[in-house]
Amino acid sequence: MTGRTDVTDVTDADFEAEVIGAELPVLVEFTADWCPPCRQMAPVLKALASEEGDRLKVVRLDVDANPERTNAYKVLSMPTFMVFRDGEPVKSMVGARAKRRLLEELADVL
């Protein structure tokens, strides 16, 4: 399996390279170990990465370990999903959701 068909963990250190500099749109999940809805989203994001990997990169950022990006994008609730395109955040969604709803919300950025 290539990296593009799975959910990658990113950090403050490699966010620039992995997200800002990505060729594809990137869905970033701002997540935390202590967040039950975030854990619920893991299989949804894995399926999304697997199915849409040629059109969308899916990554996770642990908010506790990476306060710099979390604060820079004013993330207050977990999970928060942000879509970045051409290095800019173009969409933001808060809270767990079903894969079908997530795909519908992503339709305009894919």
C-alpha atoms as a PDB file:
ATOM      1  CA  MET A   1       0.000   0.000   0.000  1.00  0.00           C
ATOM      2  CA  THR A   2       1.361   3.414  -0.879  1.00  0.00           C
ATOM      3  CA  GLY A   3       1.252   6.320   1.519  1.00  0.00           C
ATOM      4  CA  ARG A   4      -1.475   7.998  -0.492  1.00  0.00           C
ATOM      5  CA  THR A   5      -4.056   5.327   0.267  1.00  0.00           C
ATOM      6  CA  ASP A   6      -3.692   5.658   4.014  1.00  0.00           C
ATOM      7  CA  VAL A   7      -4.026   8.350   6.652  1.00  0.00           C
ATOM      8  CA  THR A   8      -0.657   9.931   7.416  1.00  0.00           C
ATOM      9  CA  ASP A   9       0.285  11.520  10.723  1.00  0.00           C
ATOM     10  CA  VAL A  10       1.708  15.025  10.332  1.00  0.00           C
ATOM     11  CA  THR A  11       3.407  17.298  12.868  1.00  0.00           C
ATOM     12  CA  ASP A  12       4.189  20.981  13.268  1.00  0.00           C
ATOM     13  CA  ALA A  13       7.619  20.162  11.824  1.00  0.00           C
ATOM     14  CA  ASP A  14       6.492  18.547   8.549  1.00  0.00           C
ATOM     15  CA  PHE A  15       3.120  20.320   8.091  1.00  0.00           C
ATOM     16  CA  GLU A  16       4.629  22.723   5.581  1.00  0.00           C
ATOM     17  CA  ALA A  17       5.947  19.908   3.372  1.00  0.00           C
ATOM     18  CA  GLU A  18       3.055  17.469   3.809  1.00  0.00           C
ATOM     19  CA  VAL A  19       0.087  19.858   3.686  1.00  0.00           C
ATOM     20  CA  ILE A  20       1.032  23.339   2.463  1.00  0.00           C
ATOM     21  CA  GLY A  21       3.261  22.006  -0.313  1.00  0.00           C
ATOM     22  CA  ALA A  22       1.008  19.107  -1.377  1.00  0.00           C
ATOM     23  CA  GLU A  23      -0.096  18.854  -5.001  1.00  0.00           C
ATOM     24  CA  LEU A  24      -3.466  17.348  -4.108  1.00  0.00           C
ATOM     25  CA  PRO A  25      -6.085  18.896  -1.837  1.00  0.00           C
ATOM     26  CA  VAL A  26      -5.384  17.769   1.736  1.00  0.00           C
ATOM     27  CA  LEU A  27      -7.956  16.893   4.384  1.00  0.00           C
ATOM     28  CA  VAL A  28      -6.407  17.487   7.810  1.00  0.00           C
ATOM     29  CA  GLU A  29      -8.069  16.008  10.875  1.00  0.00           C
ATOM     30  CA  PHE A  30      -7.093  17.901  14.016  1.00  0.00           C
ATOM     31  CA  THR A  31      -7.410  15.104  16.549  1.00  0.00           C
ATOM     32  CA  ALA A  32      -6.538  13.996  20.070  1.00  0.00           C
ATOM     33  CA  ASP A  33      -6.062  10.648  21.808  1.00  0.00           C
ATOM     34  CA  TRP A  34      -8.617  11.576  24.482  1.00  0.00           C
ATOM     35  CA  CYS A  35     -11.365  12.369  21.951  1.00  0.00           C
ATOM     36  CA  PRO A  36     -13.928   9.541  21.402  1.00  0.00           C
ATOM     37  CA  PRO A  37     -15.478  11.109  18.241  1.00  0.00           C
ATOM     38  CA  CYS A  38     -11.957  11.329  16.789  1.00  0.00           C
ATOM     39  CA  ARG A  39     -11.525   7.589  17.324  1.00  0.00           C
ATOM     40  CA  GLN A  40     -14.888   7.014  15.612  1.00  0.00           C
ATOM     41  CA  MET A  41     -13.576   8.897  12.581  1.00  0.00           C
ATOM     42  CA  ALA A  42     -10.471   6.700  12.134  1.00  0.00           C
ATOM     43  CA  PRO A  43     -12.159   4.003   9.965  1.00  0.00           C
ATOM     44  CA  VAL A  44     -14.071   6.677   8.010  1.00  0.00           C
ATOM     45  CA  LEU A  45     -10.866   8.558   7.193  1.00  0.00           C
ATOM     46  CA  LYS A  46      -9.049   5.337   6.333  1.00  0.00           C
ATOM     47  CA  ALA A  47     -11.818   4.397   3.879  1.00  0.00           C
ATOM     48  CA  LEU A  48     -11.811   7.921   2.449  1.00  0.00           C
ATOM     49  CA  ALA A  49      -8.035   7.828   1.949  1.00  0.00           C
ATOM     50  CA  SER A  50      -8.306   4.447   0.288  1.00  0.00           C
ATOM     51  CA  GLU A  51     -11.144   5.432  -2.064  1.00  0.00           C
ATOM     52  CA  GLU A  52     -10.137   9.025  -2.859  1.00  0.00           C
ATOM     53  CA  GLY A  53      -6.342   8.724  -2.586  1.00  0.00           C
ATOM     54  CA  ASP A  54      -5.826   9.798  -6.192  1.00  0.00           C
ATOM     55  CA  ARG A  55      -7.792  13.037  -5.602  1.00  0.00           C
ATOM     56  CA  LEU A  56      -7.307  13.766  -1.908  1.00  0.00           C
ATOM     57  CA  LYS A  57      -4.571  13.346   0.666  1.00  0.00           C
ATOM     58  CA  VAL A  58      -5.823  12.548   4.185  1.00  0.00           C
ATOM     59  CA  VAL A  59      -3.679  13.391   7.220  1.00  0.00           C
ATOM     60  CA  ARG A  60      -4.029  13.578  11.010  1.00  0.00           C
ATOM     61  CA  LEU A  61      -2.512  16.141  13.350  1.00  0.00           C
ATOM     62  CA  ASP A  62      -2.404  15.439  17.102  1.00  0.00           C
ATOM     63  CA  VAL A  63      -3.382  18.758  18.706  1.00  0.00           C
ATOM     64  CA  ASP A  64      -1.662  17.999  22.011  1.00  0.00           C
ATOM     65  CA  ALA A  65       1.678  17.221  20.396  1.00  0.00           C
ATOM     66  CA  ASN A  66       1.459  20.013  17.803  1.00  0.00           C
ATOM     67  CA  PRO A  67       0.203  23.230  19.425  1.00  0.00           C
ATOM     68  CA  GLU A  68       1.784  25.528  16.830  1.00  0.00           C
ATOM     69  CA  ARG A  69      -0.497  24.537  13.921  1.00  0.00           C
ATOM     70  CA  THR A  70      -3.476  23.972  16.203  1.00  0.00           C
ATOM     71  CA  ASN A  71      -3.219  27.577  17.459  1.00  0.00           C
ATOM     72  CA  ALA A  72      -2.337  29.004  14.046  1.00  0.00           C
ATOM     73  CA  TYR A  73      -5.625  27.697  12.612  1.00  0.00           C
ATOM     74  CA  LYS A  74      -7.586  28.496  15.805  1.00  0.00           C
ATOM     75  CA  VAL A  75      -8.732  24.909  16.293  1.00  0.00           C
ATOM     76  CA  LEU A  76     -10.793  24.672  19.482  1.00  0.00           C
ATOM     77  CA  SER A  77     -12.913  21.533  19.079  1.00  0.00           C
ATOM     78  CA  MET A  78     -12.004  17.962  18.192  1.00  0.00           C
ATOM     79  CA  PRO A  79     -12.275  16.658  15.650  1.00  0.00           C
ATOM     80  CA  THR A  80     -11.895  19.616  13.329  1.00  0.00           C
ATOM     81  CA  PHE A  81     -11.415  18.900   9.644  1.00  0.00           C
ATOM     82  CA  MET A  82      -9.743  21.419   7.364  1.00  0.00           C
ATOM     83  CA  VAL A  83      -9.259  21.124   3.655  1.00  0.00           C
ATOM     84  CA  PHE A  84      -6.155  22.783   2.256  1.00  0.00           C
ATOM     85  CA  ARG A  85      -5.755  23.496  -1.437  1.00  0.00           C
ATOM     86  CA  ASP A  86      -2.697  25.208  -2.906  1.00  0.00           C
ATOM     87  CA  GLY A  87      -1.440  25.786   0.642  1.00  0.00           C
ATOM     88  CA  GLU A  88      -4.562  27.603   1.842  1.00  0.00           C
ATOM     89  CA  PRO A  89      -7.356  26.377   4.114  1.00  0.00           C
ATOM     90  CA  VAL A  90     -10.464  26.422   1.905  1.00  0.00           C
ATOM     91  CA  LYS A  91     -12.963  24.612   4.130  1.00  0.00           C
ATOM     92  CA  SER A  92     -13.411  23.827   7.802  1.00  0.00           C
ATOM     93  CA  MET A  93     -15.819  21.392   9.478  1.00  0.00           C
ATOM     94  CA  VAL A  94     -16.189  20.570  13.166  1.00  0.00           C
ATOM     95  CA  GLY A  95     -17.385  17.280  14.639  1.00  0.00           C
ATOM     96  CA  ALA A  96     -17.611  13.640  13.662  1.00  0.00           C
ATOM     97  CA  ARG A  97     -19.751  12.755  10.656  1.00  0.00           C
ATOM     98  CA  ALA A  98     -20.639   9.765   8.507  1.00  0.00           C
ATOM     99  CA  LYS A  99     -18.497   9.078   5.459  1.00  0.00           C
ATOM    100  CA  ARG A 100     -21.358   9.881   3.068  1.00  0.00           C
ATOM    101  CA  ARG A 101     -21.875  13.289   4.672  1.00  0.00           C
ATOM    102  CA  LEU A 102     -18.140  13.960   4.708  1.00  0.00           C
ATOM    103  CA  LEU A 103     -17.929  13.121   0.989  1.00  0.00           C
ATOM    104  CA  GLU A 104     -20.859  15.435   0.260  1.00  0.00           C
ATOM    105  CA  GLU A 105     -19.134  18.249   2.139  1.00  0.00           C
ATOM    106  CA  LEU A 106     -15.906  17.612   0.259  1.00  0.00           C
ATOM    107  CA  ALA A 107     -17.530  17.477  -3.184  1.00  0.00           C
ATOM    108  CA  ASP A 108     -16.910  21.141  -3.946  1.00  0.00           C
ATOM    109  CA  VAL A 109     -13.210  20.966  -3.120  1.00  0.00           C
ATOM    110  CA  LEU A 110     -12.329  17.692  -4.852  1.00  0.00           C
END
